[in-house]
Amino acid sequence: MSVVITQVFNGFSLGSILLFVAIGLAVTFGLMGVINMAHGELIMVGAYMTYVVQQIFAKYAPQSMGYYFFIAIPVAFFVSALLGWGLEKILIRHLYHRPLDSLLATWGVSLILQQIARTIFGAPNVAVLPPEWLDGGVRIAGVVFPYKRLFILVFVILSIFALYIYLTKTPAGRRIRAVTLNRDMASCLGISTRKVDAYAFAIGSGFAGLAGCALTLLGPIGPTIGTYYIVDAFMVVILGGVGKLIGTVLGAFGIGLVSTLMEYSTSATMAKVMMFALIIAFLQWKPSGLVSVKTRSLD
């Protein structure tokens, strides 16, 4: 019984990480259809911002090191969001409806950001020490649940809830949903789609920064930390259904649970191959993903 509980918890833990790295991409890819290959580097920016905040606390307020993570969360979000907003203003908005050009351009941006990180922080990975209150775990039914994994799970649930409230209860969020459903009609009704694109891309980039902040709890970070997750992020978004937040949630936790169960019976490499094969087969049967966007369009 304890083995089953452990595997299910590991599945939800992996799913929460996949969901975190895919949230921002679900906003930008779902709204604008932009294949943002620099999404992984925005995750890297959030991770390094957490490292910078930790270093500042260690130098100037070592007695408050237990609280640095609560400061790192908004810093990671706003720095990544500001970078994403500038990227959209300078580059992305000129490449709409040009998917190959946007893919190539954002891939180039990702290489530039990686090199900047190497120049500032060095090529080797750096360690971000988690707060002491996240050390250890809680034992339930003979199974130890690490505090770090539980914190990430709660963190991602709160982030999804905040994004849901923003998209459904605020005028700016409803404008994002309107543009996602029908850009031309939203523009005819007076919504500035350019402004919506800019702050939607900023929000998606900010959530990538939050993902980077959370990933610092799992191990060292480096200039290429984002490249390990970019494929998984696209996989989650496409499986869940482009433009649907609930689909992203279901896709992330579904992949996490199935992958963990496969790894238990085979190996990590075979589990990855089998997971890709299952996703390809599922998309052949249902190309729109787990949850499709319902519109009144005839095409």
C-alpha atoms as a PDB file:
ATOM      1  CA  MET A   1       0.000   0.000   0.000  1.00  0.00           C
ATOM      2  CA  SER A   2       2.823   2.387   0.877  1.00  0.00           C
ATOM      3  CA  VAL A   3       4.391   1.747  -2.543  1.00  0.00           C
ATOM      4  CA  VAL A   4       1.161   2.767  -4.293  1.00  0.00           C
ATOM      5  CA  ILE A   5       0.872   5.925  -2.176  1.00  0.00           C
ATOM      6  CA  THR A   6       4.494   6.784  -2.898  1.00  0.00           C
ATOM      7  CA  GLN A   7       4.077   6.364  -6.653  1.00  0.00           C
ATOM      8  CA  VAL A   8       0.862   8.393  -6.722  1.00  0.00           C
ATOM      9  CA  PHE A   9       2.505  11.178  -4.720  1.00  0.00           C
ATOM     10  CA  ASN A  10       5.543  11.100  -7.023  1.00  0.00           C
ATOM     11  CA  GLY A  11       3.167  11.352  -9.978  1.00  0.00           C
ATOM     12  CA  PHE A  12       1.399  14.394  -8.547  1.00  0.00           C
ATOM     13  CA  SER A  13       4.761  15.909  -7.645  1.00  0.00           C
ATOM     14  CA  LEU A  14       6.078  15.468 -11.196  1.00  0.00           C
ATOM     15  CA  GLY A  15       2.766  16.728 -12.556  1.00  0.00           C
ATOM     16  CA  SER A  16       2.976  19.884 -10.435  1.00  0.00           C
ATOM     17  CA  ILE A  17       6.448  20.626 -11.823  1.00  0.00           C
ATOM     18  CA  LEU A  18       5.302  20.012 -15.408  1.00  0.00           C
ATOM     19  CA  LEU A  19       2.263  22.207 -14.804  1.00  0.00           C
ATOM     20  CA  PHE A  20       4.399  25.023 -13.454  1.00  0.00           C
ATOM     21  CA  VAL A  21       6.739  25.038 -16.454  1.00  0.00           C
ATOM     22  CA  ALA A  22       3.757  24.853 -18.852  1.00  0.00           C
ATOM     23  CA  ILE A  23       1.422  27.495 -17.344  1.00  0.00           C
ATOM     24  CA  GLY A  24       3.152  30.455 -18.955  1.00  0.00           C
ATOM     25  CA  LEU A  25       3.445  28.667 -22.285  1.00  0.00           C
ATOM     26  CA  ALA A  26      -0.272  27.854 -22.177  1.00  0.00           C
ATOM     27  CA  VAL A  27      -1.005  31.591 -21.982  1.00  0.00           C
ATOM     28  CA  THR A  28       1.357  32.735 -24.754  1.00  0.00           C
ATOM     29  CA  PHE A  29       1.043  29.762 -27.112  1.00  0.00           C
ATOM     30  CA  GLY A  30      -2.685  29.501 -26.553  1.00  0.00           C
ATOM     31  CA  LEU A  31      -3.338  33.196 -27.145  1.00  0.00           C
ATOM     32  CA  MET A  32      -0.921  34.132 -29.904  1.00  0.00           C
ATOM     33  CA  GLY A  33       0.142  30.812 -31.394  1.00  0.00           C
ATOM     34  CA  VAL A  34       3.764  31.881 -30.991  1.00  0.00           C
ATOM     35  CA  ILE A  35       6.237  29.013 -30.649  1.00  0.00           C
ATOM     36  CA  ASN A  36       8.365  30.618 -27.954  1.00  0.00           C
ATOM     37  CA  MET A  37      11.594  28.638 -27.782  1.00  0.00           C
ATOM     38  CA  ALA A  38      12.914  31.149 -25.224  1.00  0.00           C
ATOM     39  CA  HIS A  39      10.340  30.019 -22.640  1.00  0.00           C
ATOM     40  CA  GLY A  40      12.943  27.783 -21.000  1.00  0.00           C
ATOM     41  CA  GLU A  41      15.324  30.720 -20.629  1.00  0.00           C
ATOM     42  CA  LEU A  42      12.597  32.758 -18.921  1.00  0.00           C
ATOM     43  CA  ILE A  43      12.424  29.875 -16.440  1.00  0.00           C
ATOM     44  CA  MET A  44      16.196  30.236 -16.074  1.00  0.00           C
ATOM     45  CA  VAL A  45      15.813  33.971 -15.366  1.00  0.00           C
ATOM     46  CA  GLY A  46      13.383  33.222 -12.524  1.00  0.00           C
ATOM     47  CA  ALA A  47      15.785  30.655 -11.087  1.00  0.00           C
ATOM     48  CA  TYR A  48      18.733  33.048 -11.166  1.00  0.00           C
ATOM     49  CA  MET A  49      16.643  35.837  -9.629  1.00  0.00           C
ATOM     50  CA  THR A  50      15.983  33.484  -6.708  1.00  0.00           C
ATOM     51  CA  TYR A  51      19.731  32.891  -6.447  1.00  0.00           C
ATOM     52  CA  VAL A  52      20.423  36.650  -6.480  1.00  0.00           C
ATOM     53  CA  VAL A  53      17.864  37.307  -3.732  1.00  0.00           C
ATOM     54  CA  GLN A  54      19.398  34.511  -1.657  1.00  0.00           C
ATOM     55  CA  GLN A  55      22.869  36.029  -2.047  1.00  0.00           C
ATOM     56  CA  ILE A  56      21.590  39.485  -1.040  1.00  0.00           C
ATOM     57  CA  PHE A  57      19.952  38.065   2.086  1.00  0.00           C
ATOM     58  CA  ALA A  58      23.067  36.029   2.930  1.00  0.00           C
ATOM     59  CA  LYS A  59      25.208  39.168   2.740  1.00  0.00           C
ATOM     60  CA  TYR A  60      22.983  41.837   4.249  1.00  0.00           C
ATOM     61  CA  ALA A  61      20.373  39.992   6.330  1.00  0.00           C
ATOM     62  CA  PRO A  62      21.696  36.537   7.270  1.00  0.00           C
ATOM     63  CA  GLN A  63      19.380  36.429  10.295  1.00  0.00           C
ATOM     64  CA  SER A  64      16.375  36.537   7.925  1.00  0.00           C
ATOM     65  CA  MET A  65      17.486  33.797   5.515  1.00  0.00           C
ATOM     66  CA  GLY A  66      14.388  31.795   6.348  1.00  0.00           C
ATOM     67  CA  TYR A  67      12.230  34.399   4.619  1.00  0.00           C
ATOM     68  CA  TYR A  68      14.216  35.101   1.464  1.00  0.00           C
ATOM     69  CA  PHE A  69      12.070  32.771  -0.660  1.00  0.00           C
ATOM     70  CA  PHE A  70       8.960  34.881  -0.066  1.00  0.00           C
ATOM     71  CA  ILE A  71      10.823  37.873  -1.506  1.00  0.00           C
ATOM     72  CA  ALA A  72      12.281  35.821  -4.365  1.00  0.00           C
ATOM     73  CA  ILE A  73       8.814  34.792  -5.613  1.00  0.00           C
ATOM     74  CA  PRO A  74       7.591  38.293  -6.641  1.00  0.00           C
ATOM     75  CA  VAL A  75      11.081  39.288  -7.824  1.00  0.00           C
ATOM     76  CA  ALA A  76      11.274  36.254 -10.138  1.00  0.00           C
ATOM     77  CA  PHE A  77       7.782  36.946 -11.459  1.00  0.00           C
ATOM     78  CA  PHE A  78       8.225  40.645 -12.189  1.00  0.00           C
ATOM     79  CA  VAL A  79      11.735  40.421 -13.661  1.00  0.00           C
ATOM     80  CA  SER A  80      10.696  37.595 -16.007  1.00  0.00           C
ATOM     81  CA  ALA A  81       7.454  39.420 -16.853  1.00  0.00           C
ATOM     82  CA  LEU A  82       9.345  42.621 -17.661  1.00  0.00           C
ATOM     83  CA  LEU A  83      11.768  40.700 -19.858  1.00  0.00           C
ATOM     84  CA  GLY A  84       8.871  38.976 -21.638  1.00  0.00           C
ATOM     85  CA  TRP A  85       7.070  42.286 -22.156  1.00  0.00           C
ATOM     86  CA  GLY A  86      10.186  43.801 -23.721  1.00  0.00           C
ATOM     87  CA  LEU A  87      10.698  40.716 -25.890  1.00  0.00           C
ATOM     88  CA  GLU A  88       7.136  40.980 -27.189  1.00  0.00           C
ATOM     89  CA  LYS A  89       7.446  44.708 -27.872  1.00  0.00           C
ATOM     90  CA  ILE A  90      10.801  44.498 -29.633  1.00  0.00           C
ATOM     91  CA  LEU A  91      10.616  41.172 -31.468  1.00  0.00           C
ATOM     92  CA  ILE A  92       7.543  38.954 -31.168  1.00  0.00           C
ATOM     93  CA  ARG A  93       4.895  41.420 -32.358  1.00  0.00           C
ATOM     94  CA  HIS A  94       6.665  41.747 -35.698  1.00  0.00           C
ATOM     95  CA  LEU A  95       6.532  37.979 -36.275  1.00  0.00           C
ATOM     96  CA  TYR A  96       2.856  37.145 -35.796  1.00  0.00           C
ATOM     97  CA  HIS A  97       1.512  34.726 -38.426  1.00  0.00           C
ATOM     98  CA  ARG A  98       5.112  33.804 -39.274  1.00  0.00           C
ATOM     99  CA  PRO A  99       5.616  30.654 -37.179  1.00  0.00           C
ATOM    100  CA  LEU A 100       8.945  29.575 -38.668  1.00  0.00           C
ATOM    101  CA  ASP A 101      10.419  33.051 -38.273  1.00  0.00           C
ATOM    102  CA  SER A 102       9.193  33.338 -34.679  1.00  0.00           C
ATOM    103  CA  LEU A 103      10.584  29.882 -33.865  1.00  0.00           C
ATOM    104  CA  LEU A 104      13.998  30.797 -35.249  1.00  0.00           C
ATOM    105  CA  ALA A 105      14.011  34.242 -33.609  1.00  0.00           C
ATOM    106  CA  THR A 106      13.029  32.995 -30.147  1.00  0.00           C
ATOM    107  CA  TRP A 107      15.562  30.167 -30.410  1.00  0.00           C
ATOM    108  CA  GLY A 108      18.199  32.814 -31.086  1.00  0.00           C
ATOM    109  CA  VAL A 109      16.978  34.785 -28.060  1.00  0.00           C
ATOM    110  CA  SER A 110      17.291  31.655 -25.929  1.00  0.00           C
ATOM    111  CA  LEU A 111      20.943  31.247 -26.948  1.00  0.00           C
ATOM    112  CA  ILE A 112      21.610  34.927 -26.198  1.00  0.00           C
ATOM    113  CA  LEU A 113      20.040  34.660 -22.735  1.00  0.00           C
ATOM    114  CA  GLN A 114      22.036  31.517 -21.985  1.00  0.00           C
ATOM    115  CA  GLN A 115      25.273  33.272 -22.919  1.00  0.00           C
ATOM    116  CA  ILE A 116      24.382  36.311 -20.821  1.00  0.00           C
ATOM    117  CA  ALA A 117      23.771  33.990 -17.849  1.00  0.00           C
ATOM    118  CA  ARG A 118      27.150  32.324 -18.413  1.00  0.00           C
ATOM    119  CA  THR A 119      28.846  35.730 -18.554  1.00  0.00           C
ATOM    120  CA  ILE A 120      27.240  36.984 -15.329  1.00  0.00           C
ATOM    121  CA  PHE A 121      27.034  33.842 -13.181  1.00  0.00           C
ATOM    122  CA  GLY A 122      29.533  31.505 -14.860  1.00  0.00           C
ATOM    123  CA  ALA A 123      29.029  28.232 -16.713  1.00  0.00           C
ATOM    124  CA  PRO A 124      28.962  25.859 -13.684  1.00  0.00           C
ATOM    125  CA  ASN A 125      25.714  25.260 -11.866  1.00  0.00           C
ATOM    126  CA  VAL A 126      25.080  27.222  -8.682  1.00  0.00           C
ATOM    127  CA  ALA A 127      23.275  25.967  -5.598  1.00  0.00           C
ATOM    128  CA  VAL A 128      20.272  27.705  -4.108  1.00  0.00           C
ATOM    129  CA  LEU A 129      19.867  26.663  -0.494  1.00  0.00           C
ATOM    130  CA  PRO A 130      16.194  26.194   0.389  1.00  0.00           C
ATOM    131  CA  PRO A 131      14.894  27.736   3.621  1.00  0.00           C
ATOM    132  CA  GLU A 132      15.463  25.591   6.682  1.00  0.00           C
ATOM    133  CA  TRP A 133      11.719  25.181   7.265  1.00  0.00           C
ATOM    134  CA  LEU A 134      11.532  23.201   4.003  1.00  0.00           C
ATOM    135  CA  ASP A 135      14.020  20.586   5.205  1.00  0.00           C
ATOM    136  CA  GLY A 136      12.665  17.172   6.115  1.00  0.00           C
ATOM    137  CA  GLY A 137       9.182  15.865   5.563  1.00  0.00           C
ATOM    138  CA  VAL A 138       6.011  14.556   7.120  1.00  0.00           C
ATOM    139  CA  ARG A 139       5.422  10.809   7.591  1.00  0.00           C
ATOM    140  CA  ILE A 140       1.907   9.527   6.890  1.00  0.00           C
ATOM    141  CA  ALA A 141       1.004   5.812   6.676  1.00  0.00           C
ATOM    142  CA  GLY A 142       4.680   4.893   6.556  1.00  0.00           C
ATOM    143  CA  VAL A 143       5.386   7.212   3.623  1.00  0.00           C
ATOM    144  CA  VAL A 144       7.546  10.337   3.887  1.00  0.00           C
ATOM    145  CA  PHE A 145       6.243  13.369   2.010  1.00  0.00           C
ATOM    146  CA  PRO A 146       9.094  15.904   1.581  1.00  0.00           C
ATOM    147  CA  TYR A 147       8.196  19.464   2.554  1.00  0.00           C
ATOM    148  CA  LYS A 148       9.802  20.793  -0.645  1.00  0.00           C
ATOM    149  CA  ARG A 149       7.548  18.739  -2.881  1.00  0.00           C
ATOM    150  CA  LEU A 150       4.476  19.604  -0.816  1.00  0.00           C
ATOM    151  CA  PHE A 151       5.382  23.290  -0.983  1.00  0.00           C
ATOM    152  CA  ILE A 152       5.727  23.153  -4.785  1.00  0.00           C
ATOM    153  CA  LEU A 153       2.355  21.365  -5.037  1.00  0.00           C
ATOM    154  CA  VAL A 154       0.649  24.045  -2.908  1.00  0.00           C
ATOM    155  CA  PHE A 155       2.537  26.799  -4.752  1.00  0.00           C
ATOM    156  CA  VAL A 156       1.332  25.634  -8.171  1.00  0.00           C
ATOM    157  CA  ILE A 157      -2.262  25.202  -6.946  1.00  0.00           C
ATOM    158  CA  LEU A 158      -2.299  28.773  -5.606  1.00  0.00           C
ATOM    159  CA  SER A 159      -0.728  30.059  -8.843  1.00  0.00           C
ATOM    160  CA  ILE A 160      -3.343  28.293 -10.992  1.00  0.00           C
ATOM    161  CA  PHE A 161      -6.111  29.635  -8.778  1.00  0.00           C
ATOM    162  CA  ALA A 162      -4.725  33.180  -9.038  1.00  0.00           C
ATOM    163  CA  LEU A 163      -4.483  32.887 -12.836  1.00  0.00           C
ATOM    164  CA  TYR A 164      -8.030  31.516 -13.021  1.00  0.00           C
ATOM    165  CA  ILE A 165      -9.378  34.416 -10.963  1.00  0.00           C
ATOM    166  CA  TYR A 166      -7.465  36.874 -13.137  1.00  0.00           C
ATOM    167  CA  LEU A 167      -8.763  35.399 -16.397  1.00  0.00           C
ATOM    168  CA  THR A 168     -12.388  35.097 -15.289  1.00  0.00           C
ATOM    169  CA  LYS A 169     -13.006  37.916 -12.818  1.00  0.00           C
ATOM    170  CA  THR A 170     -10.993  40.885 -14.093  1.00  0.00           C
ATOM    171  CA  PRO A 171     -11.617  43.029 -17.204  1.00  0.00           C
ATOM    172  CA  ALA A 172      -8.030  42.495 -18.421  1.00  0.00           C
ATOM    173  CA  GLY A 173      -8.365  38.730 -18.030  1.00  0.00           C
ATOM    174  CA  ARG A 174     -11.666  38.651 -19.896  1.00  0.00           C
ATOM    175  CA  ARG A 175     -10.049  40.586 -22.731  1.00  0.00           C
ATOM    176  CA  ILE A 176      -7.352  37.909 -22.942  1.00  0.00           C
ATOM    177  CA  ARG A 177     -10.041  35.212 -23.153  1.00  0.00           C
ATOM    178  CA  ALA A 178     -11.916  37.174 -25.812  1.00  0.00           C
ATOM    179  CA  VAL A 179      -8.829  37.546 -27.988  1.00  0.00           C
ATOM    180  CA  THR A 180      -8.018  33.857 -27.516  1.00  0.00           C
ATOM    181  CA  LEU A 181     -11.480  32.803 -28.704  1.00  0.00           C
ATOM    182  CA  ASN A 182     -11.857  35.222 -31.624  1.00  0.00           C
ATOM    183  CA  ARG A 183      -9.162  37.813 -32.269  1.00  0.00           C
ATOM    184  CA  ASP A 184     -10.930  39.499 -35.198  1.00  0.00           C
ATOM    185  CA  MET A 185     -14.236  39.889 -33.380  1.00  0.00           C
ATOM    186  CA  ALA A 186     -12.513  41.166 -30.232  1.00  0.00           C
ATOM    187  CA  SER A 187     -10.705  43.764 -32.336  1.00  0.00           C
ATOM    188  CA  CYS A 188     -13.994  44.830 -33.965  1.00  0.00           C
ATOM    189  CA  LEU A 189     -15.493  45.337 -30.490  1.00  0.00           C
ATOM    190  CA  GLY A 190     -12.751  47.811 -29.599  1.00  0.00           C
ATOM    191  CA  ILE A 191     -10.253  45.612 -27.754  1.00  0.00           C
ATOM    192  CA  SER A 192      -6.666  46.574 -28.478  1.00  0.00           C
ATOM    193  CA  THR A 193      -5.252  43.185 -29.413  1.00  0.00           C
ATOM    194  CA  ARG A 194      -1.704  44.577 -29.454  1.00  0.00           C
ATOM    195  CA  LYS A 195      -1.985  45.606 -25.786  1.00  0.00           C
ATOM    196  CA  VAL A 196      -3.577  42.270 -24.897  1.00  0.00           C
ATOM    197  CA  ASP A 197      -0.736  40.425 -26.614  1.00  0.00           C
ATOM    198  CA  ALA A 198       1.856  42.470 -24.723  1.00  0.00           C
ATOM    199  CA  TYR A 199       0.536  41.941 -21.204  1.00  0.00           C
ATOM    200  CA  ALA A 200      -0.495  38.341 -21.901  1.00  0.00           C
ATOM    201  CA  PHE A 201       3.062  37.576 -22.994  1.00  0.00           C
ATOM    202  CA  ALA A 202       4.323  39.359 -19.874  1.00  0.00           C
ATOM    203  CA  ILE A 203       2.027  37.270 -17.653  1.00  0.00           C
ATOM    204  CA  GLY A 204       3.120  34.045 -19.349  1.00  0.00           C
ATOM    205  CA  SER A 205       6.761  35.038 -18.918  1.00  0.00           C
ATOM    206  CA  GLY A 206       6.128  35.890 -15.264  1.00  0.00           C
ATOM    207  CA  PHE A 207       4.740  32.428 -14.619  1.00  0.00           C
ATOM    208  CA  ALA A 208       7.835  30.971 -16.290  1.00  0.00           C
ATOM    209  CA  GLY A 209       9.849  32.941 -13.734  1.00  0.00           C
ATOM    210  CA  LEU A 210       7.769  31.429 -10.920  1.00  0.00           C
ATOM    211  CA  ALA A 211       8.515  27.968 -12.340  1.00  0.00           C
ATOM    212  CA  GLY A 212      12.233  28.761 -12.226  1.00  0.00           C
ATOM    213  CA  CYS A 213      11.854  29.933  -8.633  1.00  0.00           C
ATOM    214  CA  ALA A 214      10.193  26.628  -7.699  1.00  0.00           C
ATOM    215  CA  LEU A 215      12.807  24.549  -9.531  1.00  0.00           C
ATOM    216  CA  THR A 216      15.561  25.960  -7.310  1.00  0.00           C
ATOM    217  CA  LEU A 217      14.116  23.834  -4.498  1.00  0.00           C
ATOM    218  CA  LEU A 218      14.915  20.639  -6.410  1.00  0.00           C
ATOM    219  CA  GLY A 219      18.623  21.096  -7.096  1.00  0.00           C
ATOM    220  CA  PRO A 220      21.370  23.298  -8.572  1.00  0.00           C
ATOM    221  CA  ILE A 221      20.574  25.669 -11.415  1.00  0.00           C
ATOM    222  CA  GLY A 222      22.580  26.614 -14.497  1.00  0.00           C
ATOM    223  CA  PRO A 223      22.319  28.456 -17.825  1.00  0.00           C
ATOM    224  CA  THR A 224      20.715  25.428 -19.515  1.00  0.00           C
ATOM    225  CA  ILE A 225      18.122  24.565 -16.867  1.00  0.00           C
ATOM    226  CA  GLY A 226      15.303  25.699 -19.143  1.00  0.00           C
ATOM    227  CA  THR A 227      16.259  23.407 -22.018  1.00  0.00           C
ATOM    228  CA  TYR A 228      15.448  20.360 -19.860  1.00  0.00           C
ATOM    229  CA  TYR A 229      11.816  21.431 -19.584  1.00  0.00           C
ATOM    230  CA  ILE A 230      10.906  23.200 -22.844  1.00  0.00           C
ATOM    231  CA  VAL A 231       9.875  20.008 -24.688  1.00  0.00           C
ATOM    232  CA  ASP A 232       7.819  18.806 -21.725  1.00  0.00           C
ATOM    233  CA  ALA A 233       6.123  22.203 -21.516  1.00  0.00           C
ATOM    234  CA  PHE A 234       5.018  22.071 -25.161  1.00  0.00           C
ATOM    235  CA  MET A 235       3.952  18.449 -24.701  1.00  0.00           C
ATOM    236  CA  VAL A 236       1.700  19.371 -21.764  1.00  0.00           C
ATOM    237  CA  VAL A 237       0.112  22.342 -23.568  1.00  0.00           C
ATOM    238  CA  ILE A 238      -0.595  20.428 -26.781  1.00  0.00           C
ATOM    239  CA  LEU A 239      -1.930  17.365 -24.966  1.00  0.00           C
ATOM    240  CA  GLY A 240      -4.175  19.473 -22.733  1.00  0.00           C
ATOM    241  CA  GLY A 241      -5.577  21.526 -25.582  1.00  0.00           C
ATOM    242  CA  VAL A 242      -4.255  24.866 -26.800  1.00  0.00           C
ATOM    243  CA  GLY A 243      -5.945  27.813 -25.097  1.00  0.00           C
ATOM    244  CA  LYS A 244      -7.595  25.868 -22.232  1.00  0.00           C
ATOM    245  CA  LEU A 245      -6.186  26.200 -18.713  1.00  0.00           C
ATOM    246  CA  ILE A 246      -8.071  23.177 -17.366  1.00  0.00           C
ATOM    247  CA  GLY A 247      -6.638  21.104 -20.216  1.00  0.00           C
ATOM    248  CA  THR A 248      -3.112  22.114 -19.222  1.00  0.00           C
ATOM    249  CA  VAL A 249      -3.815  21.050 -15.633  1.00  0.00           C
ATOM    250  CA  LEU A 250      -5.222  17.672 -16.704  1.00  0.00           C
ATOM    251  CA  GLY A 251      -2.386  17.127 -19.191  1.00  0.00           C
ATOM    252  CA  ALA A 252       0.349  17.883 -16.657  1.00  0.00           C
ATOM    253  CA  PHE A 253      -0.979  15.655 -13.880  1.00  0.00           C
ATOM    254  CA  GLY A 254      -1.925  12.936 -16.365  1.00  0.00           C
ATOM    255  CA  ILE A 255       1.592  12.838 -17.791  1.00  0.00           C
ATOM    256  CA  GLY A 256       3.079  12.948 -14.297  1.00  0.00           C
ATOM    257  CA  LEU A 257       1.039  10.014 -12.983  1.00  0.00           C
ATOM    258  CA  VAL A 258       1.409   7.815 -16.074  1.00  0.00           C
ATOM    259  CA  SER A 259       5.155   8.531 -16.377  1.00  0.00           C
ATOM    260  CA  THR A 260       5.770   7.683 -12.718  1.00  0.00           C
ATOM    261  CA  LEU A 261       3.865   4.407 -12.968  1.00  0.00           C
ATOM    262  CA  MET A 262       5.741   3.489 -16.151  1.00  0.00           C
ATOM    263  CA  GLU A 263       9.102   4.293 -14.560  1.00  0.00           C
ATOM    264  CA  TYR A 264       8.264   2.008 -11.647  1.00  0.00           C
ATOM    265  CA  SER A 265       7.660  -0.964 -13.944  1.00  0.00           C
ATOM    266  CA  THR A 266      10.337  -0.207 -16.590  1.00  0.00           C
ATOM    267  CA  SER A 267      13.055   2.470 -16.656  1.00  0.00           C
ATOM    268  CA  ALA A 268      13.116   6.254 -16.952  1.00  0.00           C
ATOM    269  CA  THR A 269      14.231   6.123 -20.603  1.00  0.00           C
ATOM    270  CA  MET A 270      11.619   3.554 -21.651  1.00  0.00           C
ATOM    271  CA  ALA A 271       8.941   5.433 -19.714  1.00  0.00           C
ATOM    272  CA  LYS A 272       9.768   8.596 -21.665  1.00  0.00           C
ATOM    273  CA  VAL A 273       9.565   6.738 -24.996  1.00  0.00           C
ATOM    274  CA  MET A 274       6.285   5.062 -24.079  1.00  0.00           C
ATOM    275  CA  MET A 275       4.848   8.381 -22.869  1.00  0.00           C
ATOM    276  CA  PHE A 276       5.648  10.053 -26.182  1.00  0.00           C
ATOM    277  CA  ALA A 277       4.107   7.122 -28.075  1.00  0.00           C
ATOM    278  CA  LEU A 278       0.901   7.317 -26.029  1.00  0.00           C
ATOM    279  CA  ILE A 279       0.624  11.080 -26.562  1.00  0.00           C
ATOM    280  CA  ILE A 280       1.146  10.718 -30.317  1.00  0.00           C
ATOM    281  CA  ALA A 281      -1.502   7.982 -30.480  1.00  0.00           C
ATOM    282  CA  PHE A 282      -3.929  10.076 -28.425  1.00  0.00           C
ATOM    283  CA  LEU A 283      -3.430  13.164 -30.616  1.00  0.00           C
ATOM    284  CA  GLN A 284      -4.055  11.040 -33.700  1.00  0.00           C
ATOM    285  CA  TRP A 285      -7.434  10.158 -32.207  1.00  0.00           C
ATOM    286  CA  LYS A 286      -8.200  13.608 -30.769  1.00  0.00           C
ATOM    287  CA  PRO A 287      -6.027  16.309 -32.398  1.00  0.00           C
ATOM    288  CA  SER A 288      -7.567  19.141 -30.354  1.00  0.00           C
ATOM    289  CA  GLY A 289      -6.237  17.654 -27.102  1.00  0.00           C
ATOM    290  CA  LEU A 290      -8.004  16.712 -23.888  1.00  0.00           C
ATOM    291  CA  VAL A 291     -10.081  19.903 -23.769  1.00  0.00           C
ATOM    292  CA  SER A 292     -10.910  21.813 -26.944  1.00  0.00           C
ATOM    293  CA  VAL A 293     -11.928  25.447 -27.260  1.00  0.00           C
ATOM    294  CA  LYS A 294     -15.604  25.798 -28.168  1.00  0.00           C
ATOM    295  CA  THR A 295     -16.360  28.652 -30.547  1.00  0.00           C
ATOM    296  CA  ARG A 296     -19.112  29.607 -32.995  1.00  0.00           C
ATOM    297  CA  SER A 297     -16.712  29.570 -35.914  1.00  0.00           C
ATOM    298  CA  LEU A 298     -17.855  27.494 -38.865  1.00  0.00           C
ATOM    299  CA  ASP A 299     -14.314  26.526 -39.866  1.00  0.00           C
END
